[in-house]
Each structure stands twice: as structure tokens, then as C-alpha cells.
Amino acid sequence: MAATLDLLEFHPPSPALLTGKDDQPTTSSVLSSAIAFLQPVKPAPFNAIRRLFDHLRAHPSSADALNDIYPTRGIFKIAAIENATSDQKLTIDLSPTRAGLIPSELRSSLAAHGLDDILSFFSTIAATHVPTILSGLSEIASADLTSLHKAQNFNFRLCDYTPATAAPGSTNGCGAHTDYGTLAIIFQDGQPGLEAQNQTGGWTPVPGDATIVLCGWCALILSGGRVHAVRHRVRRLPGVRRLSAVLFVAPDLDVVLKPLKVDETSMEFSEKIMTGQVNVGWFKDVMGKRWRWREGNEVLEDGESDEISQDEDIDRLVWG
């Protein structure tokens, strides 16, 4: 545990690693960017992850059965196979709740293709690292973040940046964005592509074999800005398959989203935030529409601009 805490030192990426400004920063990303490197107790099971993606693509009936347990959004998402303008990736989105809903026969069938190894991995990482990281973030925030995470509002996301999509030559694996929740632990298979935006608006490559911790909007707001949020993206290398596994951690959905401690070091947020009019569940729903649109899994309603990014939409809510 001590080694993990030692690694939980949030710092801006080195300016020496700038790669250009082909995507302009939003207000939030200019204010502060930070990244932490983590030595995990267990490596991500990328062989199992590869097998599960390959099996679901080759067996649509298994994919349909998995999606049937969460019909609202689905679990295995393949919009990029037909949509050339969306993020060019396939995803599998699980959680402790969704995993518990998988029928035993389907669970047994998918266990042969890596599912049990994947779920065991995420459970171990959540139990071992999340409490330690939340404790470290609480110290930075000068406020108790741990007590706001009792319901295990976790998402287990697998990403397959396969060349076999509607736009095989596209470099857009995942568009620039800031996560909604408290933190994400990102495991990579060794392939480059993940980039973090620094304070000058440039993009810093993250080593492809690194496991990193990035914080999101909820951590930024609840800490009064003492914990930094990181805007990031994934650039694809055409013809190269890249896999990642991400554990997303967010506060309980009924938590009021406003600074826990307000003093002269706190950032000033919008009136809606400062007066406690927003909770985590509502905030997630607002953000979710834009990220599902970016990923090709939802269409915008009439009157909603497709030229506004996810972060630009949230900037207005958070900063006013």
C-alpha cells in the first residue's frame, strides 16, 4: 500500500513532451492537468480481453444475450463498425451490478472466453487500489471523499481499438474529453495512443505500458479544484490493434456535487454548483448524452449542436 501512496503524487506532464495543438483546450483543461502512475498489484488480463472481444464479434447470439441484460444501453457496443465519424473503437461496459445479472448459463459460456478472468481482475483492483487512492485524494482535497463512495459506483470498461472499423485509416480512437467521475485507472496493452492535455493545450503521450490514474469532473468539483481533472484522448495507429481496460470510480449518485470545503484556495464554480442544485446522478446523465453521441451510440435531439464537444457543454454548467 505504501508504494501506491508514494506514486499518488499528481503533477503536470512534462512540457518537453508536447506534441502540438491540433485540438484546442477548454477552460477546464487549461486550469490544471495532472496524472499519476500506478504500480498495480495485478496486470490486466489482455489475452482474456482479446479472446472475449473476438468471441463476441464472431458469435452475435452471445453478444445479443449479453446486451439483453442491460437493454437500455447495451454492454457490447460496436457502433464504429458502421459509423466512420464516431470514436473508432469497440467497447464492453460492465459493472458489479451488471455482472451479477448475467445468467449462469451465459456466464459459464463466456468464462471460457475470458469473462471470469476479467471480472476477477477488476474486483481485485477495486478492492486493493480504490480505497488507497481515495484516501490519498482526500488528503489533497482536505476533505473526506471516501465516505461519498459507499455504493461502489464503478464501471468496468474494455476498449478494443481494432483496425476493423468503418474508418480503418482514422487516427480518432477516442475523442478528447474529461471523465465525469472521481477517477479512472487505465491499463494499457503496451501500444501507444493515450495522450493527456497539459496546461498549455499541447498533448503529452503516455507510455503505452504505463498504468495511470486520471481524475475527472466530480473530483475537481468536490475538492474545490484542489484535485485536478485531466482532459485526454486516444489516437489510433492505423493497422494496429490496441486494447485497454479502465476502472471508472464515481461518487454515489445521490451525492450533491459542490465543493466540500470552501476557503481562499478553492475555485469558484457556477451558482448552480455552489448552491447544491446538482447531484452526481443528474450530472452523469447530462454528460452521458454527449459521450454516447461521441461514441456513436446515441443521436442528438433536434436543436442540439453536433459542433459542441462534451467538455464545452459541461464547462458552461460547471463554470457558469
C-alpha atoms as a PDB file:
ATOM      1  CA  MET A   1       0.000   0.000   0.000  1.00  0.00           C
ATOM      2  CA  ALA A   2       2.790   2.426   0.818  1.00  0.00           C
ATOM      3  CA  ALA A   3       4.209   2.122  -2.687  1.00  0.00           C
ATOM      4  CA  THR A   4       0.845   3.058  -4.147  1.00  0.00           C
ATOM      5  CA  LEU A   5       0.618   6.118  -1.922  1.00  0.00           C
ATOM      6  CA  ASP A   6       4.115   7.176  -2.916  1.00  0.00           C
ATOM      7  CA  LEU A   7       3.042   7.028  -6.542  1.00  0.00           C
ATOM      8  CA  LEU A   8      -0.071   9.104  -5.886  1.00  0.00           C
ATOM      9  CA  GLU A   9       1.731  12.398  -6.461  1.00  0.00           C
ATOM     10  CA  PHE A  10      -0.258  14.356  -9.013  1.00  0.00           C
ATOM     11  CA  HIS A  11       1.875  16.523 -11.262  1.00  0.00           C
ATOM     12  CA  PRO A  12       1.599  18.217 -14.673  1.00  0.00           C
ATOM     13  CA  PRO A  13       3.051  16.269 -17.620  1.00  0.00           C
ATOM     14  CA  SER A  14       6.475  17.494 -18.700  1.00  0.00           C
ATOM     15  CA  PRO A  15       6.330  20.384 -21.241  1.00  0.00           C
ATOM     16  CA  ALA A  16       9.224  18.684 -23.028  1.00  0.00           C
ATOM     17  CA  LEU A  17       6.784  16.044 -24.269  1.00  0.00           C
ATOM     18  CA  LEU A  18       4.434  18.436 -26.102  1.00  0.00           C
ATOM     19  CA  THR A  19       3.192  17.107 -29.424  1.00  0.00           C
ATOM     20  CA  GLY A  20       1.200  20.027 -30.809  1.00  0.00           C
ATOM     21  CA  LYS A  21      -2.163  21.785 -30.551  1.00  0.00           C
ATOM     22  CA  ASP A  22      -4.407  20.132 -33.101  1.00  0.00           C
ATOM     23  CA  ASP A  23      -7.288  20.177 -30.606  1.00  0.00           C
ATOM     24  CA  GLN A  24      -7.827  23.383 -28.654  1.00  0.00           C
ATOM     25  CA  PRO A  25      -8.160  23.202 -24.861  1.00  0.00           C
ATOM     26  CA  THR A  26     -11.287  24.076 -22.962  1.00  0.00           C
ATOM     27  CA  THR A  27     -11.307  26.357 -19.937  1.00  0.00           C
ATOM     28  CA  SER A  28     -11.101  23.447 -17.527  1.00  0.00           C
ATOM     29  CA  SER A  29      -8.120  21.759 -19.136  1.00  0.00           C
ATOM     30  CA  VAL A  30      -6.051  24.950 -19.114  1.00  0.00           C
ATOM     31  CA  LEU A  31      -6.622  25.437 -15.386  1.00  0.00           C
ATOM     32  CA  SER A  32      -4.837  22.253 -14.376  1.00  0.00           C
ATOM     33  CA  SER A  33      -3.833  18.861 -15.657  1.00  0.00           C
ATOM     34  CA  ALA A  34      -2.388  16.050 -13.565  1.00  0.00           C
ATOM     35  CA  ILE A  35      -1.527  12.404 -13.914  1.00  0.00           C
ATOM     36  CA  ALA A  36      -0.411   9.677 -11.516  1.00  0.00           C
ATOM     37  CA  PHE A  37       1.407   6.472 -12.386  1.00  0.00           C
ATOM     38  CA  LEU A  38       0.371   3.330 -10.549  1.00  0.00           C
ATOM     39  CA  GLN A  39       2.134   0.027  -9.984  1.00  0.00           C
ATOM     40  CA  PRO A  40      -0.860  -2.338  -9.873  1.00  0.00           C
ATOM     41  CA  VAL A  41      -0.991  -5.451  -7.727  1.00  0.00           C
ATOM     42  CA  LYS A  42      -2.158  -7.408 -10.758  1.00  0.00           C
ATOM     43  CA  PRO A  43      -1.608  -6.913 -14.516  1.00  0.00           C
ATOM     44  CA  ALA A  44      -4.612  -6.580 -16.779  1.00  0.00           C
ATOM     45  CA  PRO A  45      -5.539  -9.898 -18.473  1.00  0.00           C
ATOM     46  CA  PHE A  46      -5.177  -8.704 -22.042  1.00  0.00           C
ATOM     47  CA  ASN A  47      -5.190 -12.220 -23.512  1.00  0.00           C
ATOM     48  CA  ALA A  48      -8.590 -12.779 -21.896  1.00  0.00           C
ATOM     49  CA  ILE A  49      -9.818  -9.366 -23.065  1.00  0.00           C
ATOM     50  CA  ARG A  50      -8.758 -10.124 -26.632  1.00  0.00           C
ATOM     51  CA  ARG A  51     -10.494 -13.506 -26.527  1.00  0.00           C
ATOM     52  CA  LEU A  52     -13.736 -12.005 -25.241  1.00  0.00           C
ATOM     53  CA  PHE A  53     -13.882  -9.332 -27.954  1.00  0.00           C
ATOM     54  CA  ASP A  54     -13.068 -11.906 -30.648  1.00  0.00           C
ATOM     55  CA  HIS A  55     -15.717 -14.302 -29.370  1.00  0.00           C
ATOM     56  CA  LEU A  56     -18.475 -11.683 -29.172  1.00  0.00           C
ATOM     57  CA  ARG A  57     -17.736 -10.449 -32.671  1.00  0.00           C
ATOM     58  CA  ALA A  58     -17.732 -13.976 -34.064  1.00  0.00           C
ATOM     59  CA  HIS A  59     -20.871 -15.044 -32.176  1.00  0.00           C
ATOM     60  CA  PRO A  60     -23.627 -12.407 -32.430  1.00  0.00           C
ATOM     61  CA  SER A  61     -26.027 -14.572 -30.427  1.00  0.00           C
ATOM     62  CA  SER A  62     -23.690 -14.400 -27.402  1.00  0.00           C
ATOM     63  CA  ALA A  63     -23.344 -10.650 -27.877  1.00  0.00           C
ATOM     64  CA  ASP A  64     -27.127 -10.259 -28.059  1.00  0.00           C
ATOM     65  CA  ALA A  65     -27.615 -12.330 -24.926  1.00  0.00           C
ATOM     66  CA  LEU A  66     -25.097 -10.174 -23.063  1.00  0.00           C
ATOM     67  CA  ASN A  67     -26.761  -6.965 -24.241  1.00  0.00           C
ATOM     68  CA  ASP A  68     -30.165  -8.275 -23.191  1.00  0.00           C
ATOM     69  CA  ILE A  69     -29.234  -7.997 -19.507  1.00  0.00           C
ATOM     70  CA  TYR A  70     -28.856  -4.222 -19.901  1.00  0.00           C
ATOM     71  CA  PRO A  71     -31.249  -3.302 -22.734  1.00  0.00           C
ATOM     72  CA  THR A  72     -31.216   0.438 -22.012  1.00  0.00           C
ATOM     73  CA  ARG A  73     -27.636   0.953 -23.195  1.00  0.00           C
ATOM     74  CA  GLY A  74     -26.260  -2.456 -24.051  1.00  0.00           C
ATOM     75  CA  ILE A  75     -22.913  -3.879 -22.929  1.00  0.00           C
ATOM     76  CA  PHE A  76     -21.066  -4.822 -26.137  1.00  0.00           C
ATOM     77  CA  LYS A  77     -21.012  -1.678 -28.299  1.00  0.00           C
ATOM     78  CA  ILE A  78     -19.930  -1.796 -31.917  1.00  0.00           C
ATOM     79  CA  ALA A  79     -21.121   1.490 -33.461  1.00  0.00           C
ATOM     80  CA  ALA A  80     -17.688   2.089 -35.006  1.00  0.00           C
ATOM     81  CA  ILE A  81     -18.153  -0.863 -37.342  1.00  0.00           C
ATOM     82  CA  GLU A  82     -20.700   1.174 -39.312  1.00  0.00           C
ATOM     83  CA  ASN A  83     -20.074   4.774 -38.170  1.00  0.00           C
ATOM     84  CA  ALA A  84     -16.941   6.338 -39.678  1.00  0.00           C
ATOM     85  CA  THR A  85     -17.197   9.613 -37.723  1.00  0.00           C
ATOM     86  CA  SER A  86     -17.592   8.220 -34.213  1.00  0.00           C
ATOM     87  CA  ASP A  87     -14.783   7.091 -31.936  1.00  0.00           C
ATOM     88  CA  GLN A  88     -13.187   4.183 -33.765  1.00  0.00           C
ATOM     89  CA  LYS A  89     -13.299   1.558 -31.051  1.00  0.00           C
ATOM     90  CA  LEU A  90     -15.431  -1.274 -29.732  1.00  0.00           C
ATOM     91  CA  THR A  91     -16.293  -1.382 -26.033  1.00  0.00           C
ATOM     92  CA  ILE A  92     -17.584  -3.758 -23.372  1.00  0.00           C
ATOM     93  CA  ASP A  93     -19.142  -1.959 -20.398  1.00  0.00           C
ATOM     94  CA  LEU A  94     -19.685  -3.937 -17.219  1.00  0.00           C
ATOM     95  CA  SER A  95     -20.143  -3.132 -13.546  1.00  0.00           C
ATOM     96  CA  PRO A  96     -20.615  -5.134 -10.343  1.00  0.00           C
ATOM     97  CA  THR A  97     -24.380  -4.850 -10.786  1.00  0.00           C
ATOM     98  CA  ARG A  98     -24.429  -5.837 -14.446  1.00  0.00           C
ATOM     99  CA  ALA A  99     -22.037  -8.727 -13.848  1.00  0.00           C
ATOM    100  CA  GLY A 100     -24.421 -10.032 -11.204  1.00  0.00           C
ATOM    101  CA  LEU A 101     -27.279 -10.022 -13.718  1.00  0.00           C
ATOM    102  CA  ILE A 102     -25.558 -12.283 -16.241  1.00  0.00           C
ATOM    103  CA  PRO A 103     -27.464 -15.605 -16.309  1.00  0.00           C
ATOM    104  CA  SER A 104     -25.418 -18.537 -15.040  1.00  0.00           C
ATOM    105  CA  GLU A 105     -25.508 -20.390 -18.374  1.00  0.00           C
ATOM    106  CA  LEU A 106     -24.246 -17.337 -20.277  1.00  0.00           C
ATOM    107  CA  ARG A 107     -21.675 -16.612 -17.578  1.00  0.00           C
ATOM    108  CA  SER A 108     -20.364 -20.170 -17.832  1.00  0.00           C
ATOM    109  CA  SER A 109     -20.210 -19.949 -21.616  1.00  0.00           C
ATOM    110  CA  LEU A 110     -18.321 -16.640 -21.606  1.00  0.00           C
ATOM    111  CA  ALA A 111     -15.973 -17.809 -18.840  1.00  0.00           C
ATOM    112  CA  ALA A 112     -14.281 -19.998 -21.448  1.00  0.00           C
ATOM    113  CA  HIS A 113     -13.576 -16.823 -23.426  1.00  0.00           C
ATOM    114  CA  GLY A 114     -12.079 -14.751 -20.630  1.00  0.00           C
ATOM    115  CA  LEU A 115     -15.034 -13.193 -18.789  1.00  0.00           C
ATOM    116  CA  ASP A 116     -14.307 -14.626 -15.343  1.00  0.00           C
ATOM    117  CA  ASP A 117     -10.627 -13.673 -15.539  1.00  0.00           C
ATOM    118  CA  ILE A 118     -11.636 -10.118 -16.457  1.00  0.00           C
ATOM    119  CA  LEU A 119     -14.187  -9.753 -13.661  1.00  0.00           C
ATOM    120  CA  SER A 120     -11.765 -11.228 -11.124  1.00  0.00           C
ATOM    121  CA  PHE A 121      -9.129  -8.727 -12.226  1.00  0.00           C
ATOM    122  CA  PHE A 122     -11.432  -5.729 -11.811  1.00  0.00           C
ATOM    123  CA  SER A 123     -12.637  -6.941  -8.408  1.00  0.00           C
ATOM    124  CA  THR A 124      -9.060  -7.264  -7.175  1.00  0.00           C
ATOM    125  CA  ILE A 125      -8.068  -3.821  -8.455  1.00  0.00           C
ATOM    126  CA  ALA A 126     -11.168  -2.192  -6.964  1.00  0.00           C
ATOM    127  CA  ALA A 127     -10.657  -3.794  -3.559  1.00  0.00           C
ATOM    128  CA  THR A 128      -6.914  -3.162  -3.402  1.00  0.00           C
ATOM    129  CA  HIS A 129      -6.314   0.209  -5.000  1.00  0.00           C
ATOM    130  CA  VAL A 130      -9.516   2.265  -4.887  1.00  0.00           C
ATOM    131  CA  PRO A 131      -9.595   2.787  -1.072  1.00  0.00           C
ATOM    132  CA  THR A 132      -5.930   3.811  -1.060  1.00  0.00           C
ATOM    133  CA  ILE A 133      -6.340   6.238  -3.938  1.00  0.00           C
ATOM    134  CA  LEU A 134      -9.479   7.800  -2.442  1.00  0.00           C
ATOM    135  CA  SER A 135      -7.607   8.256   0.827  1.00  0.00           C
ATOM    136  CA  GLY A 136      -4.768   9.985  -0.984  1.00  0.00           C
ATOM    137  CA  LEU A 137      -7.162  12.220  -2.904  1.00  0.00           C
ATOM    138  CA  SER A 138      -8.915  13.109   0.350  1.00  0.00           C
ATOM    139  CA  GLU A 139      -5.607  14.396   1.698  1.00  0.00           C
ATOM    140  CA  ILE A 140      -5.110  16.547  -1.385  1.00  0.00           C
ATOM    141  CA  ALA A 141      -8.715  17.785  -1.197  1.00  0.00           C
ATOM    142  CA  SER A 142      -8.559  18.459   2.571  1.00  0.00           C
ATOM    143  CA  ALA A 143     -11.951  16.738   2.717  1.00  0.00           C
ATOM    144  CA  ASP A 144     -13.304  13.211   3.055  1.00  0.00           C
ATOM    145  CA  LEU A 145     -14.003  11.776  -0.394  1.00  0.00           C
ATOM    146  CA  THR A 146     -14.073   8.159   0.758  1.00  0.00           C
ATOM    147  CA  SER A 147     -17.438   8.457   2.531  1.00  0.00           C
ATOM    148  CA  LEU A 148     -19.036   9.599  -0.735  1.00  0.00           C
ATOM    149  CA  HIS A 149     -18.202   6.294  -2.446  1.00  0.00           C
ATOM    150  CA  LYS A 150     -20.123   3.732  -0.396  1.00  0.00           C
ATOM    151  CA  ALA A 151     -22.291   2.299  -3.195  1.00  0.00           C
ATOM    152  CA  GLN A 152     -19.410   1.168  -5.422  1.00  0.00           C
ATOM    153  CA  ASN A 153     -20.460   3.274  -8.387  1.00  0.00           C
ATOM    154  CA  PHE A 154     -17.923   1.514 -10.619  1.00  0.00           C
ATOM    155  CA  ASN A 155     -17.781   0.867 -14.338  1.00  0.00           C
ATOM    156  CA  PHE A 156     -15.549  -1.813 -15.848  1.00  0.00           C
ATOM    157  CA  ARG A 157     -14.762  -0.753 -19.414  1.00  0.00           C
ATOM    158  CA  LEU A 158     -12.836  -2.730 -22.016  1.00  0.00           C
ATOM    159  CA  CYS A 159     -11.764  -0.970 -25.227  1.00  0.00           C
ATOM    160  CA  ASP A 160     -10.713  -2.592 -28.488  1.00  0.00           C
ATOM    161  CA  TYR A 161      -9.137  -0.110 -30.899  1.00  0.00           C
ATOM    162  CA  THR A 162      -9.336  -2.585 -33.726  1.00  0.00           C
ATOM    163  CA  PRO A 163      -8.401  -1.662 -37.309  1.00  0.00           C
ATOM    164  CA  ALA A 164     -11.590  -3.433 -38.447  1.00  0.00           C
ATOM    165  CA  THR A 165     -13.924  -0.436 -38.228  1.00  0.00           C
ATOM    166  CA  ALA A 166     -15.762   1.799 -40.689  1.00  0.00           C
ATOM    167  CA  ALA A 167     -12.743   4.128 -40.894  1.00  0.00           C
ATOM    168  CA  PRO A 168      -9.618   1.935 -40.711  1.00  0.00           C
ATOM    169  CA  GLY A 169      -7.340   4.868 -41.558  1.00  0.00           C
ATOM    170  CA  SER A 170      -8.739   7.182 -38.874  1.00  0.00           C
ATOM    171  CA  THR A 171      -6.486   8.266 -36.019  1.00  0.00           C
ATOM    172  CA  ASN A 172      -9.515   9.027 -33.807  1.00  0.00           C
ATOM    173  CA  GLY A 173      -9.665   6.245 -31.266  1.00  0.00           C
ATOM    174  CA  CYS A 174     -11.336   8.251 -28.519  1.00  0.00           C
ATOM    175  CA  GLY A 175     -12.118  11.946 -28.798  1.00  0.00           C
ATOM    176  CA  ALA A 176     -10.726  14.497 -26.343  1.00  0.00           C
ATOM    177  CA  HIS A 177     -12.729  14.585 -23.123  1.00  0.00           C
ATOM    178  CA  THR A 178     -12.629  14.811 -19.330  1.00  0.00           C
ATOM    179  CA  ASP A 179     -14.220  11.939 -17.398  1.00  0.00           C
ATOM    180  CA  TYR A 180     -17.330  12.657 -15.342  1.00  0.00           C
ATOM    181  CA  GLY A 181     -16.431  10.786 -12.166  1.00  0.00           C
ATOM    182  CA  THR A 182     -13.827  10.805  -9.423  1.00  0.00           C
ATOM    183  CA  LEU A 183     -11.056   8.779 -11.023  1.00  0.00           C
ATOM    184  CA  ALA A 184     -10.181   6.275 -13.696  1.00  0.00           C
ATOM    185  CA  ILE A 185      -7.441   3.650 -13.513  1.00  0.00           C
ATOM    186  CA  ILE A 186      -6.311   2.968 -17.075  1.00  0.00           C
ATOM    187  CA  PHE A 187      -4.469  -0.223 -18.027  1.00  0.00           C
ATOM    188  CA  GLN A 188      -2.822  -0.443 -21.458  1.00  0.00           C
ATOM    189  CA  ASP A 189      -1.536  -3.375 -23.505  1.00  0.00           C
ATOM    190  CA  GLY A 190       1.786  -1.731 -24.397  1.00  0.00           C
ATOM    191  CA  GLN A 191       0.640   0.039 -27.553  1.00  0.00           C
ATOM    192  CA  PRO A 192       0.927   3.857 -27.584  1.00  0.00           C
ATOM    193  CA  GLY A 193      -2.007   6.145 -28.266  1.00  0.00           C
ATOM    194  CA  LEU A 194      -3.208   7.582 -24.956  1.00  0.00           C
ATOM    195  CA  GLU A 195      -2.438  11.300 -24.640  1.00  0.00           C
ATOM    196  CA  ALA A 196      -3.059  13.802 -21.830  1.00  0.00           C
ATOM    197  CA  GLN A 197      -3.536  17.522 -22.374  1.00  0.00           C
ATOM    198  CA  ASN A 198      -1.257  19.800 -20.398  1.00  0.00           C
ATOM    199  CA  GLN A 199      -1.687  23.362 -19.198  1.00  0.00           C
ATOM    200  CA  THR A 200      -0.547  24.956 -22.448  1.00  0.00           C
ATOM    201  CA  GLY A 201      -3.002  22.951 -24.576  1.00  0.00           C
ATOM    202  CA  GLY A 202      -0.452  20.540 -26.023  1.00  0.00           C
ATOM    203  CA  TRP A 203      -0.822  16.780 -25.988  1.00  0.00           C
ATOM    204  CA  THR A 204       1.561  14.608 -23.993  1.00  0.00           C
ATOM    205  CA  PRO A 205       1.911  10.922 -24.988  1.00  0.00           C
ATOM    206  CA  VAL A 206       1.503   8.493 -22.125  1.00  0.00           C
ATOM    207  CA  PRO A 207       3.826   5.456 -22.316  1.00  0.00           C
ATOM    208  CA  GLY A 208       1.871   2.521 -23.703  1.00  0.00           C
ATOM    209  CA  ASP A 209       2.964   0.168 -20.946  1.00  0.00           C
ATOM    210  CA  ALA A 210       2.020   2.515 -18.097  1.00  0.00           C
ATOM    211  CA  THR A 211      -0.929   2.120 -15.744  1.00  0.00           C
ATOM    212  CA  ILE A 212      -2.203   5.558 -14.831  1.00  0.00           C
ATOM    213  CA  VAL A 213      -4.739   7.297 -12.620  1.00  0.00           C
ATOM    214  CA  LEU A 214      -6.656  10.252 -14.054  1.00  0.00           C
ATOM    215  CA  CYS A 215      -9.237  12.275 -12.147  1.00  0.00           C
ATOM    216  CA  GLY A 216     -12.478  13.685 -13.512  1.00  0.00           C
ATOM    217  CA  TRP A 217     -15.057  16.411 -13.002  1.00  0.00           C
ATOM    218  CA  CYS A 218     -16.510  15.069  -9.750  1.00  0.00           C
ATOM    219  CA  ALA A 219     -13.095  15.052  -8.083  1.00  0.00           C
ATOM    220  CA  LEU A 220     -12.383  18.558  -9.340  1.00  0.00           C
ATOM    221  CA  ILE A 221     -15.687  19.973  -8.061  1.00  0.00           C
ATOM    222  CA  LEU A 222     -15.888  18.142  -4.726  1.00  0.00           C
ATOM    223  CA  SER A 223     -12.304  19.133  -3.892  1.00  0.00           C
ATOM    224  CA  GLY A 224     -12.899  22.771  -4.767  1.00  0.00           C
ATOM    225  CA  GLY A 225     -10.286  22.459  -7.503  1.00  0.00           C
ATOM    226  CA  ARG A 226      -7.533  21.049  -5.279  1.00  0.00           C
ATOM    227  CA  VAL A 227      -7.693  17.758  -7.175  1.00  0.00           C
ATOM    228  CA  HIS A 228      -7.016  18.302 -10.850  1.00  0.00           C
ATOM    229  CA  ALA A 229      -9.011  16.824 -13.745  1.00  0.00           C
ATOM    230  CA  VAL A 230      -7.291  15.599 -16.884  1.00  0.00           C
ATOM    231  CA  ARG A 231      -8.522  16.005 -20.424  1.00  0.00           C
ATOM    232  CA  HIS A 232      -7.286  13.109 -22.540  1.00  0.00           C
ATOM    233  CA  ARG A 233      -7.787  11.256 -25.801  1.00  0.00           C
ATOM    234  CA  VAL A 234      -6.640   8.159 -27.694  1.00  0.00           C
ATOM    235  CA  ARG A 235      -5.008   8.384 -31.112  1.00  0.00           C
ATOM    236  CA  ARG A 236      -5.101   5.235 -33.237  1.00  0.00           C
ATOM    237  CA  LEU A 237      -2.217   3.904 -35.246  1.00  0.00           C
ATOM    238  CA  PRO A 238      -3.869   2.710 -38.471  1.00  0.00           C
ATOM    239  CA  GLY A 239      -3.493  -1.030 -38.853  1.00  0.00           C
ATOM    240  CA  VAL A 240      -2.529  -1.576 -35.201  1.00  0.00           C
ATOM    241  CA  ARG A 241      -4.861  -3.190 -32.688  1.00  0.00           C
ATOM    242  CA  ARG A 242      -4.731  -1.661 -29.204  1.00  0.00           C
ATOM    243  CA  LEU A 243      -6.525  -2.852 -26.063  1.00  0.00           C
ATOM    244  CA  SER A 244      -7.177  -1.094 -22.782  1.00  0.00           C
ATOM    245  CA  ALA A 245      -9.036  -1.823 -19.556  1.00  0.00           C
ATOM    246  CA  VAL A 246     -10.424   1.001 -17.422  1.00  0.00           C
ATOM    247  CA  LEU A 247     -11.888   1.035 -13.930  1.00  0.00           C
ATOM    248  CA  PHE A 248     -14.075   4.121 -13.516  1.00  0.00           C
ATOM    249  CA  VAL A 249     -14.917   5.236  -9.974  1.00  0.00           C
ATOM    250  CA  ALA A 250     -17.600   7.842  -9.234  1.00  0.00           C
ATOM    251  CA  PRO A 251     -19.376   9.091  -6.110  1.00  0.00           C
ATOM    252  CA  ASP A 252     -22.756   7.702  -5.103  1.00  0.00           C
ATOM    253  CA  LEU A 253     -25.453   9.023  -7.420  1.00  0.00           C
ATOM    254  CA  ASP A 254     -27.262  10.991  -4.691  1.00  0.00           C
ATOM    255  CA  VAL A 255     -24.148  12.936  -3.637  1.00  0.00           C
ATOM    256  CA  VAL A 256     -24.582  16.711  -4.025  1.00  0.00           C
ATOM    257  CA  LEU A 257     -21.923  17.961  -6.416  1.00  0.00           C
ATOM    258  CA  LYS A 258     -20.405  21.042  -4.812  1.00  0.00           C
ATOM    259  CA  PRO A 259     -17.104  21.812  -3.031  1.00  0.00           C
ATOM    260  CA  LEU A 260     -16.821  20.033   0.318  1.00  0.00           C
ATOM    261  CA  LYS A 261     -14.535  22.725   1.716  1.00  0.00           C
ATOM    262  CA  VAL A 262     -14.660  26.375   0.692  1.00  0.00           C
ATOM    263  CA  ASP A 263     -11.831  28.749   1.574  1.00  0.00           C
ATOM    264  CA  GLU A 264      -9.450  31.164  -0.121  1.00  0.00           C
ATOM    265  CA  THR A 265      -7.760  28.309  -2.039  1.00  0.00           C
ATOM    266  CA  SER A 266     -10.997  26.964  -3.538  1.00  0.00           C
ATOM    267  CA  MET A 267     -12.034  27.503  -7.136  1.00  0.00           C
ATOM    268  CA  GLU A 268     -15.255  29.390  -7.810  1.00  0.00           C
ATOM    269  CA  PHE A 269     -17.860  27.378  -9.701  1.00  0.00           C
ATOM    270  CA  SER A 270     -21.224  28.315 -11.190  1.00  0.00           C
ATOM    271  CA  GLU A 271     -24.095  29.360  -8.939  1.00  0.00           C
ATOM    272  CA  LYS A 272     -25.855  26.108  -9.779  1.00  0.00           C
ATOM    273  CA  ILE A 273     -22.885  24.143  -8.450  1.00  0.00           C
ATOM    274  CA  MET A 274     -22.141  26.343  -5.432  1.00  0.00           C
ATOM    275  CA  THR A 275     -25.762  26.299  -4.236  1.00  0.00           C
ATOM    276  CA  GLY A 276     -26.019  22.497  -4.421  1.00  0.00           C
ATOM    277  CA  GLN A 277     -28.513  22.211  -7.271  1.00  0.00           C
ATOM    278  CA  VAL A 278     -26.648  19.355  -8.980  1.00  0.00           C
ATOM    279  CA  ASN A 279     -26.180  15.789  -7.817  1.00  0.00           C
ATOM    280  CA  VAL A 280     -23.921  13.127  -9.293  1.00  0.00           C
ATOM    281  CA  GLY A 281     -26.708  11.158 -10.955  1.00  0.00           C
ATOM    282  CA  TRP A 282     -28.070  14.179 -12.807  1.00  0.00           C
ATOM    283  CA  PHE A 283     -24.565  15.268 -13.803  1.00  0.00           C
ATOM    284  CA  LYS A 284     -23.800  11.806 -15.179  1.00  0.00           C
ATOM    285  CA  ASP A 285     -26.976  11.840 -17.271  1.00  0.00           C
ATOM    286  CA  VAL A 286     -26.149  15.262 -18.724  1.00  0.00           C
ATOM    287  CA  MET A 287     -22.599  14.224 -19.615  1.00  0.00           C
ATOM    288  CA  GLY A 288     -23.646  10.805 -20.808  1.00  0.00           C
ATOM    289  CA  LYS A 289     -25.606  12.027 -23.785  1.00  0.00           C
ATOM    290  CA  ARG A 290     -22.577  13.768 -25.277  1.00  0.00           C
ATOM    291  CA  TRP A 291     -20.191  10.899 -24.673  1.00  0.00           C
ATOM    292  CA  ARG A 292     -22.622   8.359 -26.157  1.00  0.00           C
ATOM    293  CA  TRP A 293     -23.017  10.630 -29.188  1.00  0.00           C
ATOM    294  CA  ARG A 294     -19.222  10.874 -29.499  1.00  0.00           C
ATOM    295  CA  GLU A 295     -19.014   7.103 -29.388  1.00  0.00           C
ATOM    296  CA  GLY A 296     -21.782   6.682 -31.951  1.00  0.00           C
ATOM    297  CA  ASN A 297     -24.272   5.101 -29.549  1.00  0.00           C
ATOM    298  CA  GLU A 298     -26.847   7.927 -29.381  1.00  0.00           C
ATOM    299  CA  VAL A 299     -28.184  10.632 -31.683  1.00  0.00           C
ATOM    300  CA  LEU A 300     -28.615  14.242 -30.650  1.00  0.00           C
ATOM    301  CA  GLU A 301     -32.083  15.722 -30.393  1.00  0.00           C
ATOM    302  CA  ASP A 302     -33.334  18.446 -32.720  1.00  0.00           C
ATOM    303  CA  GLY A 303     -31.667  21.746 -31.910  1.00  0.00           C
ATOM    304  CA  GLU A 304     -28.596  20.195 -30.244  1.00  0.00           C
ATOM    305  CA  SER A 305     -25.384  21.209 -31.973  1.00  0.00           C
ATOM    306  CA  ASP A 306     -23.004  18.497 -33.132  1.00  0.00           C
ATOM    307  CA  GLU A 307     -20.199  21.068 -33.126  1.00  0.00           C
ATOM    308  CA  ILE A 308     -20.094  21.403 -29.328  1.00  0.00           C
ATOM    309  CA  SER A 309     -17.763  18.987 -27.566  1.00  0.00           C
ATOM    310  CA  GLN A 310     -18.577  17.123 -24.383  1.00  0.00           C
ATOM    311  CA  ASP A 311     -16.252  19.332 -22.345  1.00  0.00           C
ATOM    312  CA  GLU A 312     -17.597  22.567 -23.832  1.00  0.00           C
ATOM    313  CA  ASP A 313     -21.099  21.548 -22.808  1.00  0.00           C
ATOM    314  CA  ILE A 314     -20.011  20.796 -19.245  1.00  0.00           C
ATOM    315  CA  ASP A 315     -17.792  23.898 -18.979  1.00  0.00           C
ATOM    316  CA  ARG A 316     -20.928  26.061 -19.130  1.00  0.00           C
ATOM    317  CA  LEU A 317     -22.588  24.114 -16.331  1.00  0.00           C
ATOM    318  CA  VAL A 318     -19.535  23.947 -14.057  1.00  0.00           C
ATOM    319  CA  TRP A 319     -18.091  27.414 -14.513  1.00  0.00           C
ATOM    320  CA  GLY A 320     -21.171  29.409 -15.474  1.00  0.00           C
END
